C-alpha atoms as a PDB file:
ATOM      1  CA  UNK A   1      39.297  37.276  66.679  1.00  0.00           C
ATOM      2  CA  UNK A   2      36.259  36.971  64.913  1.00  0.00           C
ATOM      3  CA  UNK A   3      36.135  33.977  63.260  1.00  0.00           C
ATOM      4  CA  UNK A   4      32.968  33.858  62.463  1.00  0.00           C
ATOM      5  CA  UNK A   5      32.218  34.190  58.642  1.00  0.00           C
ATOM      6  CA  UNK A   6      35.243  31.695  58.341  1.00  0.00           C
ATOM      7  CA  UNK A   7      33.344  28.984  60.246  1.00  0.00           C
ATOM      8  CA  UNK A   8      30.457  29.897  57.971  1.00  0.00           C
ATOM      9  CA  UNK A   9      32.496  29.470  55.179  1.00  0.00           C
ATOM     10  CA  UNK A  10      33.906  25.777  56.322  1.00  0.00           C
ATOM     11  CA  UNK A  11      29.871  24.784  56.873  1.00  0.00           C
ATOM     12  CA  UNK A  12      28.756  26.182  53.403  1.00  0.00           C
ATOM     13  CA  UNK A  13      31.731  24.300  52.132  1.00  0.00           C
ATOM     14  CA  UNK A  14      31.005  20.995  53.916  1.00  0.00           C
ATOM     15  CA  UNK A  15      27.339  21.562  53.174  1.00  0.00           C
ATOM     16  CA  UNK A  16      28.330  21.373  49.387  1.00  0.00           C
ATOM     17  CA  UNK A  17      31.032  18.685  49.217  1.00  0.00           C
ATOM     18  CA  UNK A  18      28.181  16.566  51.256  1.00  0.00           C
ATOM     19  CA  UNK A  19      25.697  17.243  48.358  1.00  0.00           C
ATOM     20  CA  UNK A  20      27.810  16.634  45.639  1.00  0.00           C
ATOM     21  CA  UNK A  21      28.657  13.420  47.059  1.00  0.00           C
ATOM     22  CA  UNK A  22      25.275  12.651  47.278  1.00  0.00           C
ATOM     23  CA  UNK A  23      24.565  13.494  44.056  1.00  0.00           C
ATOM     24  CA  UNK A  24      27.464  11.829  42.793  1.00  0.00           C
ATOM     25  CA  UNK A  25      26.419   8.471  44.230  1.00  0.00           C
ATOM     26  CA  UNK A  26      22.681   9.183  42.884  1.00  0.00           C
ATOM     27  CA  UNK A  27      24.076   9.409  39.828  1.00  0.00           C
ATOM     28  CA  UNK A  28      26.585   6.871  39.717  1.00  0.00           C
ATOM     29  CA  UNK A  29      23.709   4.174  41.099  1.00  0.00           C
ATOM     30  CA  UNK A  30      20.985   5.426  38.223  1.00  0.00           C
ATOM     31  CA  UNK A  31      23.916   4.623  36.011  1.00  0.00           C
ATOM     32  CA  UNK A  32      24.534   1.080  37.089  1.00  0.00           C
ATOM     33  CA  UNK A  33      20.875   0.806  36.962  1.00  0.00           C
ATOM     34  CA  UNK A  34      20.767   1.432  33.650  1.00  0.00           C
ATOM     35  CA  UNK A  35      23.416  -0.228  32.429  1.00  0.00           C
ATOM     36  CA  UNK A  36      22.415  -3.384  34.426  1.00  0.00           C
ATOM     37  CA  UNK A  37      18.580  -3.049  32.429  1.00  0.00           C
ATOM     38  CA  UNK A  38      20.200  -2.757  29.249  1.00  0.00           C
ATOM     39  CA  UNK A  39      22.145  -5.774  29.668  1.00  0.00           C
ATOM     40  CA  UNK A  40      19.546  -7.614  30.914  1.00  0.00           C
ATOM     41  CA  UNK A  41      17.624  -6.879  27.867  1.00  0.00           C
ATOM     42  CA  UNK A  42      20.834  -7.785  25.563  1.00  0.00           C
ATOM     43  CA  UNK A  43      20.634 -11.380  27.367  1.00  0.00           C
ATOM     44  CA  UNK A  44      16.583 -11.370  26.894  1.00  0.00           C
ATOM     45  CA  UNK A  45      16.982 -10.898  23.495  1.00  0.00           C
ATOM     46  CA  UNK A  46      20.071 -13.537  23.025  1.00  0.00           C
ATOM     47  CA  UNK A  47      16.926 -16.037  24.224  1.00  0.00           C
ATOM     48  CA  UNK A  48      14.471 -15.034  21.530  1.00  0.00           C
ATOM     49  CA  UNK A  49      14.551 -17.125  18.204  1.00  0.00           C
ATOM     50  CA  UNK A  50      11.222 -15.553  16.627  1.00  0.00           C
ATOM     51  CA  UNK A  51      11.592 -11.888  15.594  1.00  0.00           C
ATOM     52  CA  UNK A  52       8.300 -10.994  17.097  1.00  0.00           C
ATOM     53  CA  UNK A  53       9.254 -11.935  20.939  1.00  0.00           C
ATOM     54  CA  UNK A  54      12.034 -10.045  20.181  1.00  0.00           C
ATOM     55  CA  UNK A  55      10.193  -6.793  19.563  1.00  0.00           C
ATOM     56  CA  UNK A  56       8.259  -7.498  22.374  1.00  0.00           C
ATOM     57  CA  UNK A  57      11.120  -7.751  24.264  1.00  0.00           C
ATOM     58  CA  UNK A  58      12.447  -4.393  23.399  1.00  0.00           C
ATOM     59  CA  UNK A  59       8.976  -2.480  23.590  1.00  0.00           C
ATOM     60  CA  UNK A  60       8.355  -3.925  27.185  1.00  0.00           C
ATOM     61  CA  UNK A  61      11.378  -2.458  28.159  1.00  0.00           C
ATOM     62  CA  UNK A  62      11.121   0.856  26.474  1.00  0.00           C
ATOM     63  CA  UNK A  63       7.800   1.311  27.855  1.00  0.00           C
ATOM     64  CA  UNK A  64       9.314   0.652  31.541  1.00  0.00           C
ATOM     65  CA  UNK A  65      12.048   2.747  30.766  1.00  0.00           C
ATOM     66  CA  UNK A  66      10.213   5.794  29.749  1.00  0.00           C
ATOM     67  CA  UNK A  67       7.350   5.235  31.983  1.00  0.00           C
ATOM     68  CA  UNK A  68       5.143   5.302  28.976  1.00  0.00           C
ATOM     69  CA  UNK A  69       1.365   3.921  29.553  1.00  0.00           C
ATOM     70  CA  UNK A  70       1.145   1.895  26.243  1.00  0.00           C
ATOM     71  CA  UNK A  71       3.323   1.562  22.900  1.00  0.00           C
ATOM     72  CA  UNK A  72       4.054  -0.384  19.548  1.00  0.00           C
ATOM     73  CA  UNK A  73       6.757  -1.533  17.095  1.00  0.00           C
ATOM     74  CA  UNK A  74       5.850  -1.352  13.624  1.00  0.00           C
ATOM     75  CA  UNK A  75       8.069  -2.803  10.572  1.00  0.00           C
ATOM     76  CA  UNK A  76       8.884  -0.756   7.711  1.00  0.00           C
ATOM     77  CA  UNK A  77       7.628  -2.340   4.426  1.00  0.00           C
ATOM     78  CA  UNK A  78       9.508  -0.917   1.580  1.00  0.00           C
ATOM     79  CA  UNK A  79       7.394  -2.175  -1.447  1.00  0.00           C
ATOM     80  CA  UNK A  80       4.375  -1.414   0.154  1.00  0.00           C
ATOM     81  CA  UNK A  81       5.548   1.958   1.502  1.00  0.00           C
ATOM     82  CA  UNK A  82       3.966   1.214   5.007  1.00  0.00           C
ATOM     83  CA  UNK A  83       4.650   0.493   8.284  1.00  0.00           C
ATOM     84  CA  UNK A  84       2.851  -2.360  10.209  1.00  0.00           C
ATOM     85  CA  UNK A  85       2.248  -3.055  13.662  1.00  0.00           C
ATOM     86  CA  UNK A  86       4.050  -6.596  14.543  1.00  0.00           C
ATOM     87  CA  UNK A  87       4.455  -5.853  18.250  1.00  0.00           C
ATOM     88  CA  UNK A  88       1.911  -3.521  20.900  1.00  0.00           C
ATOM     89  CA  UNK A  89       1.238  -3.586  24.425  1.00  0.00           C
ATOM     90  CA  UNK A  90      -1.686  -1.472  26.256  1.00  0.00           C
ATOM     91  CA  UNK A  91      -3.719  -0.798  22.910  1.00  0.00           C
ATOM     92  CA  UNK A  92      -7.210  -2.395  22.488  1.00  0.00           C
ATOM     93  CA  UNK A  93      -8.093  -4.049  19.311  1.00  0.00           C
ATOM     94  CA  UNK A  94      -9.916  -1.263  17.575  1.00  0.00           C
ATOM     95  CA  UNK A  95      -6.826   0.615  18.234  1.00  0.00           C
ATOM     96  CA  UNK A  96      -4.627  -2.234  16.467  1.00  0.00           C
ATOM     97  CA  UNK A  97      -7.396  -2.530  13.502  1.00  0.00           C
ATOM     98  CA  UNK A  98      -7.045   1.504  12.769  1.00  0.00           C
ATOM     99  CA  UNK A  99      -3.286   1.128  12.866  1.00  0.00           C
ATOM    100  CA  UNK A 100      -2.450  -1.996  11.377  1.00  0.00           C
ATOM    101  CA  UNK A 101      -0.878  -0.600   8.231  1.00  0.00           C
ATOM    102  CA  UNK A 102       0.280   3.276   8.529  1.00  0.00           C
ATOM    103  CA  UNK A 103       1.029   4.895   5.182  1.00  0.00           C
ATOM    104  CA  UNK A 104       4.292   6.479   5.217  1.00  0.00           C
ATOM    105  CA  UNK A 105       2.926   9.830   3.431  1.00  0.00           C
ATOM    106  CA  UNK A 106       0.978   9.701   6.668  1.00  0.00           C
ATOM    107  CA  UNK A 107       0.707  12.787   8.879  1.00  0.00           C
ATOM    108  CA  UNK A 108       1.092  10.893  11.884  1.00  0.00           C
ATOM    109  CA  UNK A 109       4.290  10.999  14.532  1.00  0.00           C
ATOM    110  CA  UNK A 110       5.627   7.683  12.863  1.00  0.00           C
ATOM    111  CA  UNK A 111       5.271   8.565   9.163  1.00  0.00           C
ATOM    112  CA  UNK A 112       7.134  12.115   9.855  1.00  0.00           C
ATOM    113  CA  UNK A 113       9.819   9.850  11.741  1.00  0.00           C
ATOM    114  CA  UNK A 114      10.340   7.456   8.993  1.00  0.00           C
ATOM    115  CA  UNK A 115      10.412  10.650   5.932  1.00  0.00           C
ATOM    116  CA  UNK A 116      12.722  12.386   8.618  1.00  0.00           C
ATOM    117  CA  UNK A 117      14.809   9.210   9.633  1.00  0.00           C
ATOM    118  CA  UNK A 118      14.962  10.374  13.164  1.00  0.00           C
ATOM    119  CA  UNK A 119      12.927  10.950  16.294  1.00  0.00           C
ATOM    120  CA  UNK A 120       9.644  12.433  17.122  1.00  0.00           C
ATOM    121  CA  UNK A 121       8.462  13.516  20.286  1.00  0.00           C
ATOM    122  CA  UNK A 122       5.106  15.289  20.607  1.00  0.00           C
ATOM    123  CA  UNK A 123       4.408  15.914  24.229  1.00  0.00           C
ATOM    124  CA  UNK A 124       0.599  17.402  23.558  1.00  0.00           C
ATOM    125  CA  UNK A 125      -1.077  16.503  20.783  1.00  0.00           C
ATOM    126  CA  UNK A 126      -3.663  18.721  21.892  1.00  0.00           C
ATOM    127  CA  UNK A 127      -1.977  21.421  21.081  1.00  0.00           C
ATOM    128  CA  UNK A 128       0.335  20.700  18.888  1.00  0.00           C
ATOM    129  CA  UNK A 129       0.324  22.520  15.758  1.00  0.00           C
ATOM    130  CA  UNK A 130       2.290  19.975  13.582  1.00  0.00           C
ATOM    131  CA  UNK A 131      -0.172  17.214  14.442  1.00  0.00           C
ATOM    132  CA  UNK A 132      -3.319  18.898  14.615  1.00  0.00           C
ATOM    133  CA  UNK A 133      -5.047  16.660  12.394  1.00  0.00           C
ATOM    134  CA  UNK A 134      -3.856  13.772  14.094  1.00  0.00           C
ATOM    135  CA  UNK A 135      -5.068  15.040  17.765  1.00  0.00           C
ATOM    136  CA  UNK A 136      -8.636  13.675  17.071  1.00  0.00           C
ATOM    137  CA  UNK A 137      -7.731  10.341  16.680  1.00  0.00           C
ATOM    138  CA  UNK A 138      -4.866  10.474  19.575  1.00  0.00           C
ATOM    139  CA  UNK A 139      -8.168  11.904  21.875  1.00  0.00           C
ATOM    140  CA  UNK A 140     -10.149   8.460  20.984  1.00  0.00           C
ATOM    141  CA  UNK A 141      -7.518   6.551  21.838  1.00  0.00           C
ATOM    142  CA  UNK A 142      -6.519   8.005  24.983  1.00  0.00           C
ATOM    143  CA  UNK A 143      -3.094   9.319  24.629  1.00  0.00           C
ATOM    144  CA  UNK A 144      -2.109  12.527  24.468  1.00  0.00           C
ATOM    145  CA  UNK A 145       1.694  12.260  23.856  1.00  0.00           C
ATOM    146  CA  UNK A 146       4.078  10.018  21.798  1.00  0.00           C
ATOM    147  CA  UNK A 147       7.599   9.371  20.470  1.00  0.00           C
ATOM    148  CA  UNK A 148       8.654   7.394  17.440  1.00  0.00           C
ATOM    149  CA  UNK A 149      11.875   6.361  17.290  1.00  0.00           C
ATOM    150  CA  UNK A 150      13.347   4.749  13.967  1.00  0.00           C
ATOM    151  CA  UNK A 151      14.936   1.569  13.946  1.00  0.00           C
ATOM    152  CA  UNK A 152      17.776   1.930  11.694  1.00  0.00           C
ATOM    153  CA  UNK A 153      20.247  -0.577  10.224  1.00  0.00           C
ATOM    154  CA  UNK A 154      23.555  -0.273  10.163  1.00  0.00           C
ATOM    155  CA  UNK A 155      23.471   1.737   6.219  1.00  0.00           C
ATOM    156  CA  UNK A 156      20.995   3.907   7.827  1.00  0.00           C
ATOM    157  CA  UNK A 157      18.269   1.772   6.411  1.00  0.00           C
ATOM    158  CA  UNK A 158      14.576   1.799   8.274  1.00  0.00           C
ATOM    159  CA  UNK A 159      13.435  -1.132   9.793  1.00  0.00           C
ATOM    160  CA  UNK A 160      11.027   0.051  11.650  1.00  0.00           C
ATOM    161  CA  UNK A 161       9.342   2.210  14.250  1.00  0.00           C
ATOM    162  CA  UNK A 162       9.468   1.943  18.431  1.00  0.00           C
ATOM    163  CA  UNK A 163       6.591   4.269  19.292  1.00  0.00           C
ATOM    164  CA  UNK A 164       5.873   4.726  23.259  1.00  0.00           C
ATOM    165  CA  UNK A 165       2.301   6.636  24.560  1.00  0.00           C
ATOM    166  CA  UNK A 166       1.369   8.564  27.691  1.00  0.00           C
ATOM    167  CA  UNK A 167      -2.266   9.196  28.750  1.00  0.00           C
ATOM    168  CA  UNK A 168      -1.233  12.318  29.694  1.00  0.00           C
ATOM    169  CA  UNK A 169       1.249  15.393  28.413  1.00  0.00           C
ATOM    170  CA  UNK A 170       4.739  14.119  28.495  1.00  0.00           C
ATOM    171  CA  UNK A 171       8.390  14.971  27.680  1.00  0.00           C
ATOM    172  CA  UNK A 172      10.880  11.720  28.193  1.00  0.00           C
ATOM    173  CA  UNK A 173      14.137  13.311  29.840  1.00  0.00           C
ATOM    174  CA  UNK A 174      17.678  13.472  27.371  1.00  0.00           C
ATOM    175  CA  UNK A 175      19.096  10.743  29.601  1.00  0.00           C
ATOM    176  CA  UNK A 176      15.919   8.683  28.845  1.00  0.00           C
ATOM    177  CA  UNK A 177      16.176   9.071  25.337  1.00  0.00           C
ATOM    178  CA  UNK A 178      19.816   8.010  24.780  1.00  0.00           C
ATOM    179  CA  UNK A 179      18.867   5.214  26.672  1.00  0.00           C
ATOM    180  CA  UNK A 180      16.067   4.234  24.316  1.00  0.00           C
ATOM    181  CA  UNK A 181      18.372   4.718  21.232  1.00  0.00           C
ATOM    182  CA  UNK A 182      20.337   1.734  22.360  1.00  0.00           C
ATOM    183  CA  UNK A 183      17.675  -0.173  22.979  1.00  0.00           C
ATOM    184  CA  UNK A 184      16.259   0.568  18.988  1.00  0.00           C
ATOM    185  CA  UNK A 185      19.578   0.043  18.252  1.00  0.00           C
ATOM    186  CA  UNK A 186      19.362  -3.748  19.808  1.00  0.00           C
ATOM    187  CA  UNK A 187      15.834  -4.119  17.932  1.00  0.00           C
ATOM    188  CA  UNK A 188      17.719  -3.102  14.859  1.00  0.00           C
ATOM    189  CA  UNK A 189      21.075  -5.266  14.776  1.00  0.00           C
ATOM    190  CA  UNK A 190      18.379  -8.273  15.764  1.00  0.00           C
ATOM    191  CA  UNK A 191      16.162  -7.311  12.790  1.00  0.00           C
ATOM    192  CA  UNK A 192      19.242  -7.198  10.632  1.00  0.00           C
ATOM    193  CA  UNK A 193      20.248 -10.258  11.946  1.00  0.00           C
ATOM    194  CA  UNK A 194      16.927 -12.202  11.177  1.00  0.00           C
ATOM    195  CA  UNK A 195      16.775 -10.855   7.773  1.00  0.00           C
ATOM    196  CA  UNK A 196      20.162 -11.783   6.848  1.00  0.00           C
ATOM    197  CA  UNK A 197      19.586 -15.185   8.169  1.00  0.00           C
ATOM    198  CA  UNK A 198      16.208 -15.887   6.108  1.00  0.00           C
ATOM    199  CA  UNK A 199      17.939 -14.462   2.599  1.00  0.00           C
ATOM    200  CA  UNK A 200      20.636 -17.004   3.726  1.00  0.00           C
ATOM    201  CA  UNK A 201      18.097 -19.598   4.196  1.00  0.00           C
ATOM    202  CA  UNK A 202      16.577 -18.922   0.728  1.00  0.00           C
ATOM    203  CA  UNK A 203      19.490 -18.780  -1.003  1.00  0.00           C
ATOM    204  CA  UNK A 204      20.773 -22.205   0.499  1.00  0.00           C
ATOM    205  CA  UNK A 205      17.583 -23.646  -0.416  1.00  0.00           C
ATOM    206  CA  UNK A 206      17.585 -22.028  -4.451  1.00  0.00           C
ATOM    207  CA  UNK A 207      21.156 -23.165  -4.531  1.00  0.00           C
ATOM    208  CA  UNK A 208      20.053 -27.103  -3.295  1.00  0.00           C
ATOM    209  CA  UNK A 209      17.173 -26.723  -5.872  1.00  0.00           C
ATOM    210  CA  UNK A 210      19.888 -25.949  -8.747  1.00  0.00           C
ATOM    211  CA  UNK A 211      22.037 -28.890  -7.422  1.00  0.00           C
ATOM    212  CA  UNK A 212      19.205 -31.307  -7.356  1.00  0.00           C
ATOM    213  CA  UNK A 213      18.184 -30.312 -10.698  1.00  0.00           C
ATOM    214  CA  UNK A 214      18.406 -33.045 -13.227  1.00  0.00           C
ATOM    215  CA  UNK A 215      17.902 -30.663 -16.459  1.00  0.00           C
ATOM    216  CA  UNK A 216      21.676 -29.332 -16.111  1.00  0.00           C
ATOM    217  CA  UNK A 217      24.641 -30.107 -14.625  1.00  0.00           C
ATOM    218  CA  UNK A 218      26.005 -27.949 -11.804  1.00  0.00           C
ATOM    219  CA  UNK A 219      29.701 -27.767  -9.962  1.00  0.00           C
ATOM    220  CA  UNK A 220      31.044 -25.714  -7.475  1.00  0.00           C
ATOM    221  CA  UNK A 221      35.147 -25.106  -7.288  1.00  0.00           C
ATOM    222  CA  UNK A 222      37.205 -23.592  -4.568  1.00  0.00           C
ATOM    223  CA  UNK A 223      38.111 -20.399  -6.620  1.00  0.00           C
ATOM    224  CA  UNK A 224      41.585 -20.453  -4.996  1.00  0.00           C
ATOM    225  CA  UNK A 225      42.483 -23.823  -5.695  1.00  0.00           C
ATOM    226  CA  UNK A 226      40.324 -24.808  -8.877  1.00  0.00           C
ATOM    227  CA  UNK A 227      39.518 -27.833  -6.659  1.00  0.00           C
ATOM    228  CA  UNK A 228      36.055 -29.276  -7.627  1.00  0.00           C
ATOM    229  CA  UNK A 229      33.929 -29.252  -4.385  1.00  0.00           C
ATOM    230  CA  UNK A 230      30.454 -29.880  -5.069  1.00  0.00           C
ATOM    231  CA  UNK A 231      28.550 -31.567  -8.133  1.00  0.00           C
ATOM    232  CA  UNK A 232      24.844 -32.418  -9.349  1.00  0.00           C
ATOM    233  CA  UNK A 233      24.051 -36.039 -10.282  1.00  0.00           C
ATOM    234  CA  UNK A 234      23.272 -34.736 -13.674  1.00  0.00           C
ATOM    235  CA  UNK A 235      27.163 -33.390 -14.214  1.00  0.00           C
ATOM    236  CA  UNK A 236      28.475 -36.726 -13.017  1.00  0.00           C
ATOM    237  CA  UNK A 237      26.424 -38.809 -15.412  1.00  0.00           C
ATOM    238  CA  UNK A 238      27.295 -36.226 -18.551  1.00  0.00           C
ATOM    239  CA  UNK A 239      31.493 -36.497 -17.827  1.00  0.00           C
ATOM    240  CA  UNK A 240      31.456 -39.824 -16.235  1.00  0.00           C
ATOM    241  CA  UNK A 241      33.221 -38.946 -12.683  1.00  0.00           C
ATOM    242  CA  UNK A 242      31.990 -40.748  -9.502  1.00  0.00           C
ATOM    243  CA  UNK A 243      30.563 -38.994  -6.282  1.00  0.00           C
ATOM    244  CA  UNK A 244      34.110 -40.644  -4.523  1.00  0.00           C
ATOM    245  CA  UNK A 245      36.268 -38.493  -6.663  1.00  0.00           C
ATOM    246  CA  UNK A 246      33.920 -35.397  -5.840  1.00  0.00           C
ATOM    247  CA  UNK A 247      33.974 -35.471  -2.118  1.00  0.00           C
ATOM    248  CA  UNK A 248      38.051 -36.759  -2.102  1.00  0.00           C
ATOM    249  CA  UNK A 249      38.455 -33.174  -3.759  1.00  0.00           C
ATOM    250  CA  UNK A 250      40.540 -35.350  -6.548  1.00  0.00           C
ATOM    251  CA  UNK A 251      39.415 -33.075  -9.298  1.00  0.00           C
ATOM    252  CA  UNK A 252      40.492 -29.750 -10.598  1.00  0.00           C
ATOM    253  CA  UNK A 253      39.055 -27.654 -13.597  1.00  0.00           C
ATOM    254  CA  UNK A 254      42.557 -27.784 -14.895  1.00  0.00           C
ATOM    255  CA  UNK A 255      42.906 -31.353 -15.120  1.00  0.00           C
ATOM    256  CA  UNK A 256      39.271 -31.696 -16.662  1.00  0.00           C
ATOM    257  CA  UNK A 257      40.065 -28.867 -19.033  1.00  0.00           C
ATOM    258  CA  UNK A 258      41.905 -29.326 -22.510  1.00  0.00           C
ATOM    259  CA  UNK A 259      45.104 -27.336 -22.767  1.00  0.00           C
ATOM    260  CA  UNK A 260      43.930 -25.098 -25.386  1.00  0.00           C
ATOM    261  CA  UNK A 261      41.006 -23.952 -23.193  1.00  0.00           C
ATOM    262  CA  UNK A 262      43.076 -22.820 -20.226  1.00  0.00           C
ATOM    263  CA  UNK A 263      43.708 -19.551 -21.101  1.00  0.00           C
ATOM    264  CA  UNK A 264      39.893 -18.669 -22.029  1.00  0.00           C
ATOM    265  CA  UNK A 265      39.018 -20.056 -18.692  1.00  0.00           C
ATOM    266  CA  UNK A 266      41.252 -17.987 -16.766  1.00  0.00           C
ATOM    267  CA  UNK A 267      39.602 -15.522 -18.503  1.00  0.00           C
ATOM    268  CA  UNK A 268      36.374 -16.345 -17.675  1.00  0.00           C
ATOM    269  CA  UNK A 269      37.448 -16.490 -14.122  1.00  0.00           C
ATOM    270  CA  UNK A 270      39.067 -13.017 -14.146  1.00  0.00           C
ATOM    271  CA  UNK A 271      35.701 -11.624 -15.417  1.00  0.00           C
ATOM    272  CA  UNK A 272      34.108 -13.389 -12.341  1.00  0.00           C
ATOM    273  CA  UNK A 273      35.825 -11.306 -10.380  1.00  0.00           C
ATOM    274  CA  UNK A 274      34.573  -8.462 -11.639  1.00  0.00           C
ATOM    275  CA  UNK A 275      31.363  -8.748 -12.637  1.00  0.00           C
ATOM    276  CA  UNK A 276      30.156 -12.070 -10.386  1.00  0.00           C
ATOM    277  CA  UNK A 277      29.432 -13.713 -13.917  1.00  0.00           C
ATOM    278  CA  UNK A 278      30.974 -16.241 -16.338  1.00  0.00           C
ATOM    279  CA  UNK A 279      30.159 -16.798 -19.765  1.00  0.00           C
ATOM    280  CA  UNK A 280      28.283 -18.293 -21.005  1.00  0.00           C
ATOM    281  CA  UNK A 281      31.116 -20.110 -23.089  1.00  0.00           C
ATOM    282  CA  UNK A 282      31.867 -22.890 -24.866  1.00  0.00           C
ATOM    283  CA  UNK A 283      34.749 -25.423 -24.427  1.00  0.00           C
ATOM    284  CA  UNK A 284      35.821 -29.128 -24.478  1.00  0.00           C
ATOM    285  CA  UNK A 285      35.556 -31.314 -21.507  1.00  0.00           C
ATOM    286  CA  UNK A 286      37.839 -34.142 -20.267  1.00  0.00           C
ATOM    287  CA  UNK A 287      35.622 -37.008 -19.361  1.00  0.00           C
ATOM    288  CA  UNK A 288      36.442 -39.944 -17.014  1.00  0.00           C
ATOM    289  CA  UNK A 289      37.108 -42.602 -19.507  1.00  0.00           C
ATOM    290  CA  UNK A 290      39.459 -39.617 -21.613  1.00  0.00           C
ATOM    291  CA  UNK A 291      36.901 -38.945 -23.836  1.00  0.00           C
ATOM    292  CA  UNK A 292      36.459 -34.946 -24.711  1.00  0.00           C
ATOM    293  CA  UNK A 293      32.635 -33.791 -25.286  1.00  0.00           C
ATOM    294  CA  UNK A 294      31.762 -30.185 -25.575  1.00  0.00           C
ATOM    295  CA  UNK A 295      30.326 -28.144 -22.919  1.00  0.00           C
ATOM    296  CA  UNK A 296      28.566 -24.751 -22.451  1.00  0.00           C
ATOM    297  CA  UNK A 297      29.318 -22.928 -19.489  1.00  0.00           C
ATOM    298  CA  UNK A 298      27.505 -19.935 -17.434  1.00  0.00           C
END
């Protein structure tokens, strides 16, 4: 029997299997390299304390990932409605001075991405009709392609922009852009965490100033048990209680409140649950010596 065609089919099948095996191996190697790069970036970010250093790490990794020539990270000032460069790679001082702040209403790539809250890729600025006004500036600073990816917080609030630039026309692959999204998420989470830490620090400083003031008495209660957790010196002076009694958790608002004022106090606590506010309202308070003193609470 003439089995030439069968042999040819078998050879073709073997060739296809070999090619698919090679492609799968290469793809797995690429996937592994990408995940390793992402893991290393995450590790480096955890080692950074300053936000600027964190953003510079993300920018450097993004430029390497996209085979870009330069790039920058901008933070968004919601009050002034401007993007401001806080990290850059590859740009001279003239560029940094020119783009130190970018108005949110400008027609450059980063501003358009900010307004859309999504990535914008301009692969050839010299012929892109959407950015024809921006083309001369790009030529002046030696780049022809740019992408800008928003740094979005958990509630899609824009924290800033991650942009990379190429000196020749270029469009990143979809795979590269998917990984870039993960890098941008890393940066956004770090910004969110740093801002939350800063807000907490400012609030703690504000609370401490209130506690340390001698103008009014300040006291802190455990909302569930009613136990007095902390008080400033002014409150102790007014009521005669000691710091030891406060630190020993021996006082509760019920013990310090005459019976006829308990219902009003409970109503005020319910109001606190709903509105976040108490009073102002007046009631008498038991002092350490058993006397009663009128006080205004808020």
